[in-house]
Amino acid sequence: MATWEDVERIALALPETGTAISRGDRHWRVKDKSFVWERPLRGTDRKHLGDAAPDGPILGARVEHEVAKRALIDTNPDIYFTTPHFDGYPAILARLDRLDEAELTELITEAWLNRAPKRLAQAFLAER
């Protein structure tokens, strides 16, 4: 079961990453671009999701494109979901408390790679 402390630790271990607050929620950024963030459900989200609306903490994360978002949802709908707010936008919502550390690390790292400048991402990948 992942926590916000895990998100903080994993995200800040990535190069040139920092934390910002937007609308009262934490965002982890690389070069002023958010790649993961706290995303509490809003009233319109809850209305859309109905009984399926989760109660726990929700992590928003950038993905490469809509196909990647759909693949995550189709592969593991108990963890990943979206709302109409994110239609046409390359981002996914995840039930944080259902992610294990390996999956959380992969999600955060992939989100970072999608937002980091190309040279920074290439340097990071070359060091792995």
C-alpha atoms as a PDB file:
ATOM      1  CA  MET A   1       0.000   0.000   0.000  1.00  0.00           C
ATOM      2  CA  ALA A   2       1.644   3.219  -1.203  1.00  0.00           C
ATOM      3  CA  THR A   3       1.502   6.508   0.688  1.00  0.00           C
ATOM      4  CA  TRP A   4       2.123  10.174  -0.100  1.00  0.00           C
ATOM      5  CA  GLU A   5       5.476   9.794   1.645  1.00  0.00           C
ATOM      6  CA  ASP A   6       6.372   7.102  -0.903  1.00  0.00           C
ATOM      7  CA  VAL A   7       5.340   9.398  -3.751  1.00  0.00           C
ATOM      8  CA  GLU A   8       7.470  12.201  -2.313  1.00  0.00           C
ATOM      9  CA  ARG A   9      10.507   9.955  -1.862  1.00  0.00           C
ATOM     10  CA  ILE A  10      10.311   8.381  -5.316  1.00  0.00           C
ATOM     11  CA  ALA A  11       9.533  11.608  -7.181  1.00  0.00           C
ATOM     12  CA  LEU A  12      12.219  13.692  -5.472  1.00  0.00           C
ATOM     13  CA  ALA A  13      14.842  11.022  -6.210  1.00  0.00           C
ATOM     14  CA  LEU A  14      14.445  11.827  -9.925  1.00  0.00           C
ATOM     15  CA  PRO A  15      16.741  14.502 -11.393  1.00  0.00           C
ATOM     16  CA  GLU A  16      15.751  18.164 -11.187  1.00  0.00           C
ATOM     17  CA  THR A  17      12.440  17.439  -9.480  1.00  0.00           C
ATOM     18  CA  GLY A  18      10.710  19.695  -6.973  1.00  0.00           C
ATOM     19  CA  THR A  19       7.390  20.088  -5.222  1.00  0.00           C
ATOM     20  CA  ALA A  20       4.826  22.845  -5.715  1.00  0.00           C
ATOM     21  CA  ILE A  21       1.388  23.523  -4.275  1.00  0.00           C
ATOM     22  CA  SER A  22      -1.491  24.246  -6.639  1.00  0.00           C
ATOM     23  CA  ARG A  23      -5.072  24.655  -5.425  1.00  0.00           C
ATOM     24  CA  GLY A  24      -3.954  23.254  -2.093  1.00  0.00           C
ATOM     25  CA  ASP A  25      -2.603  20.012  -3.569  1.00  0.00           C
ATOM     26  CA  ARG A  26       1.002  18.904  -4.007  1.00  0.00           C
ATOM     27  CA  HIS A  27       2.450  18.587  -7.485  1.00  0.00           C
ATOM     28  CA  TRP A  28       5.805  17.045  -8.266  1.00  0.00           C
ATOM     29  CA  ARG A  29       7.458  18.851 -11.153  1.00  0.00           C
ATOM     30  CA  VAL A  30      10.421  18.629 -13.436  1.00  0.00           C
ATOM     31  CA  LYS A  31      11.444  21.948 -15.027  1.00  0.00           C
ATOM     32  CA  ASP A  32       8.105  23.513 -13.950  1.00  0.00           C
ATOM     33  CA  LYS A  33       6.052  20.737 -15.571  1.00  0.00           C
ATOM     34  CA  SER A  34       3.891  18.596 -13.297  1.00  0.00           C
ATOM     35  CA  PHE A  35       4.285  14.880 -13.787  1.00  0.00           C
ATOM     36  CA  VAL A  36       2.410  13.507 -10.744  1.00  0.00           C
ATOM     37  CA  TRP A  37       0.051  15.243  -8.335  1.00  0.00           C
ATOM     38  CA  GLU A  38      -2.486  14.815  -5.574  1.00  0.00           C
ATOM     39  CA  ARG A  39      -5.931  14.726  -7.192  1.00  0.00           C
ATOM     40  CA  PRO A  40      -8.832  14.511  -4.764  1.00  0.00           C
ATOM     41  CA  LEU A  41     -12.089  13.710  -6.502  1.00  0.00           C
ATOM     42  CA  ARG A  42     -14.349  16.675  -7.150  1.00  0.00           C
ATOM     43  CA  GLY A  43     -18.133  16.694  -7.020  1.00  0.00           C
ATOM     44  CA  THR A  44     -18.419  16.256 -10.774  1.00  0.00           C
ATOM     45  CA  ASP A  45     -15.973  13.322 -10.616  1.00  0.00           C
ATOM     46  CA  ARG A  46     -18.029  11.638  -7.898  1.00  0.00           C
ATOM     47  CA  LYS A  47     -21.230  12.215  -9.841  1.00  0.00           C
ATOM     48  CA  HIS A  48     -19.716  10.632 -12.958  1.00  0.00           C
ATOM     49  CA  LEU A  49     -18.192   7.669 -11.081  1.00  0.00           C
ATOM     50  CA  GLY A  50     -21.232   7.066  -8.882  1.00  0.00           C
ATOM     51  CA  ASP A  51     -20.843   4.064  -6.572  1.00  0.00           C
ATOM     52  CA  ALA A  52     -17.463   3.288  -8.156  1.00  0.00           C
ATOM     53  CA  ALA A  53     -15.943   6.530  -6.787  1.00  0.00           C
ATOM     54  CA  PRO A  54     -13.013   5.590  -4.535  1.00  0.00           C
ATOM     55  CA  ASP A  55     -12.686   7.024  -1.038  1.00  0.00           C
ATOM     56  CA  GLY A  56      -8.908   6.797  -0.662  1.00  0.00           C
ATOM     57  CA  PRO A  57      -6.095   9.032  -1.898  1.00  0.00           C
ATOM     58  CA  ILE A  58      -5.901   9.618  -5.654  1.00  0.00           C
ATOM     59  CA  LEU A  59      -2.686  10.208  -7.580  1.00  0.00           C
ATOM     60  CA  GLY A  60      -2.781  11.921 -10.965  1.00  0.00           C
ATOM     61  CA  ALA A  61       0.016  11.047 -13.396  1.00  0.00           C
ATOM     62  CA  ARG A  62       0.996  12.031 -16.901  1.00  0.00           C
ATOM     63  CA  VAL A  63       1.125   9.246 -19.456  1.00  0.00           C
ATOM     64  CA  GLU A  64       2.568   9.175 -22.939  1.00  0.00           C
ATOM     65  CA  HIS A  65      -0.766   9.336 -24.771  1.00  0.00           C
ATOM     66  CA  GLU A  66      -4.403   8.240 -24.706  1.00  0.00           C
ATOM     67  CA  VAL A  67      -3.506   4.713 -25.851  1.00  0.00           C
ATOM     68  CA  ALA A  68      -1.236   4.284 -22.820  1.00  0.00           C
ATOM     69  CA  LYS A  69      -3.978   5.626 -20.548  1.00  0.00           C
ATOM     70  CA  ARG A  70      -6.523   3.183 -21.961  1.00  0.00           C
ATOM     71  CA  ALA A  71      -4.063   0.284 -21.654  1.00  0.00           C
ATOM     72  CA  LEU A  72      -3.507   1.005 -17.949  1.00  0.00           C
ATOM     73  CA  ILE A  73      -7.243   1.206 -17.288  1.00  0.00           C
ATOM     74  CA  ASP A  74      -7.991  -1.955 -19.280  1.00  0.00           C
ATOM     75  CA  THR A  75      -5.138  -3.883 -17.646  1.00  0.00           C
ATOM     76  CA  ASN A  76      -5.909  -2.934 -14.056  1.00  0.00           C
ATOM     77  CA  PRO A  77      -9.248  -1.136 -13.551  1.00  0.00           C
ATOM     78  CA  ASP A  78      -9.064  -1.760  -9.788  1.00  0.00           C
ATOM     79  CA  ILE A  79      -6.209   0.765  -9.643  1.00  0.00           C
ATOM     80  CA  TYR A  80      -6.429   3.027 -12.709  1.00  0.00           C
ATOM     81  CA  PHE A  81      -9.350   5.120 -13.888  1.00  0.00           C
ATOM     82  CA  THR A  82     -10.220   8.440 -15.461  1.00  0.00           C
ATOM     83  CA  THR A  83     -12.998  11.000 -15.433  1.00  0.00           C
ATOM     84  CA  PRO A  84     -14.465  13.215 -18.162  1.00  0.00           C
ATOM     85  CA  HIS A  85     -12.218  16.039 -16.890  1.00  0.00           C
ATOM     86  CA  PHE A  86      -9.253  14.146 -18.381  1.00  0.00           C
ATOM     87  CA  ASP A  87     -10.878  13.190 -21.707  1.00  0.00           C
ATOM     88  CA  GLY A  88      -8.413  13.877 -24.490  1.00  0.00           C
ATOM     89  CA  TYR A  89      -5.622  14.613 -21.990  1.00  0.00           C
ATOM     90  CA  PRO A  90      -2.672  12.261 -21.416  1.00  0.00           C
ATOM     91  CA  ALA A  91      -3.183  11.704 -17.700  1.00  0.00           C
ATOM     92  CA  ILE A  92      -4.403   8.846 -15.542  1.00  0.00           C
ATOM     93  CA  LEU A  93      -5.832   8.661 -12.046  1.00  0.00           C
ATOM     94  CA  ALA A  94      -4.661   5.938  -9.683  1.00  0.00           C
ATOM     95  CA  ARG A  95      -5.880   4.689  -6.325  1.00  0.00           C
ATOM     96  CA  LEU A  96      -2.689   5.324  -4.384  1.00  0.00           C
ATOM     97  CA  ASP A  97      -3.454   2.855  -1.612  1.00  0.00           C
ATOM     98  CA  ARG A  98      -3.736  -0.006  -4.145  1.00  0.00           C
ATOM     99  CA  LEU A  99      -0.321   0.529  -5.723  1.00  0.00           C
ATOM    100  CA  ASP A 100       2.657  -1.478  -4.550  1.00  0.00           C
ATOM    101  CA  GLU A 101       6.083   0.158  -4.455  1.00  0.00           C
ATOM    102  CA  ALA A 102       7.275  -1.308  -7.764  1.00  0.00           C
ATOM    103  CA  GLU A 103       4.184  -0.183  -9.652  1.00  0.00           C
ATOM    104  CA  LEU A 104       4.277   3.248  -8.011  1.00  0.00           C
ATOM    105  CA  THR A 105       7.943   3.652  -8.939  1.00  0.00           C
ATOM    106  CA  GLU A 106       7.226   2.673 -12.545  1.00  0.00           C
ATOM    107  CA  LEU A 107       4.235   5.046 -12.789  1.00  0.00           C
ATOM    108  CA  ILE A 108       6.162   7.994 -11.350  1.00  0.00           C
ATOM    109  CA  THR A 109       9.283   7.321 -13.417  1.00  0.00           C
ATOM    110  CA  GLU A 110       7.299   6.997 -16.658  1.00  0.00           C
ATOM    111  CA  ALA A 111       5.388  10.189 -15.845  1.00  0.00           C
ATOM    112  CA  TRP A 112       8.695  11.971 -15.202  1.00  0.00           C
ATOM    113  CA  LEU A 113      10.130  10.702 -18.497  1.00  0.00           C
ATOM    114  CA  ASN A 114       7.052  12.052 -20.312  1.00  0.00           C
ATOM    115  CA  ARG A 115       7.571  15.554 -18.896  1.00  0.00           C
ATOM    116  CA  ALA A 116      11.332  15.925 -18.526  1.00  0.00           C
ATOM    117  CA  PRO A 117      13.310  17.726 -21.229  1.00  0.00           C
ATOM    118  CA  LYS A 118      14.642  15.212 -23.767  1.00  0.00           C
ATOM    119  CA  ARG A 119      18.306  15.695 -22.851  1.00  0.00           C
ATOM    120  CA  LEU A 120      17.600  15.227 -19.145  1.00  0.00           C
ATOM    121  CA  ALA A 121      15.505  12.112 -19.817  1.00  0.00           C
ATOM    122  CA  GLN A 122      18.180  10.675 -22.118  1.00  0.00           C
ATOM    123  CA  ALA A 123      20.907  11.296 -19.536  1.00  0.00           C
ATOM    124  CA  PHE A 124      18.788   9.630 -16.860  1.00  0.00           C
ATOM    125  CA  LEU A 125      18.135   6.580 -19.040  1.00  0.00           C
ATOM    126  CA  ALA A 126      21.829   6.329 -19.967  1.00  0.00           C
ATOM    127  CA  GLU A 127      22.770   6.122 -16.265  1.00  0.00           C
ATOM    128  CA  ARG A 128      20.340   3.291 -15.454  1.00  0.00           C
END
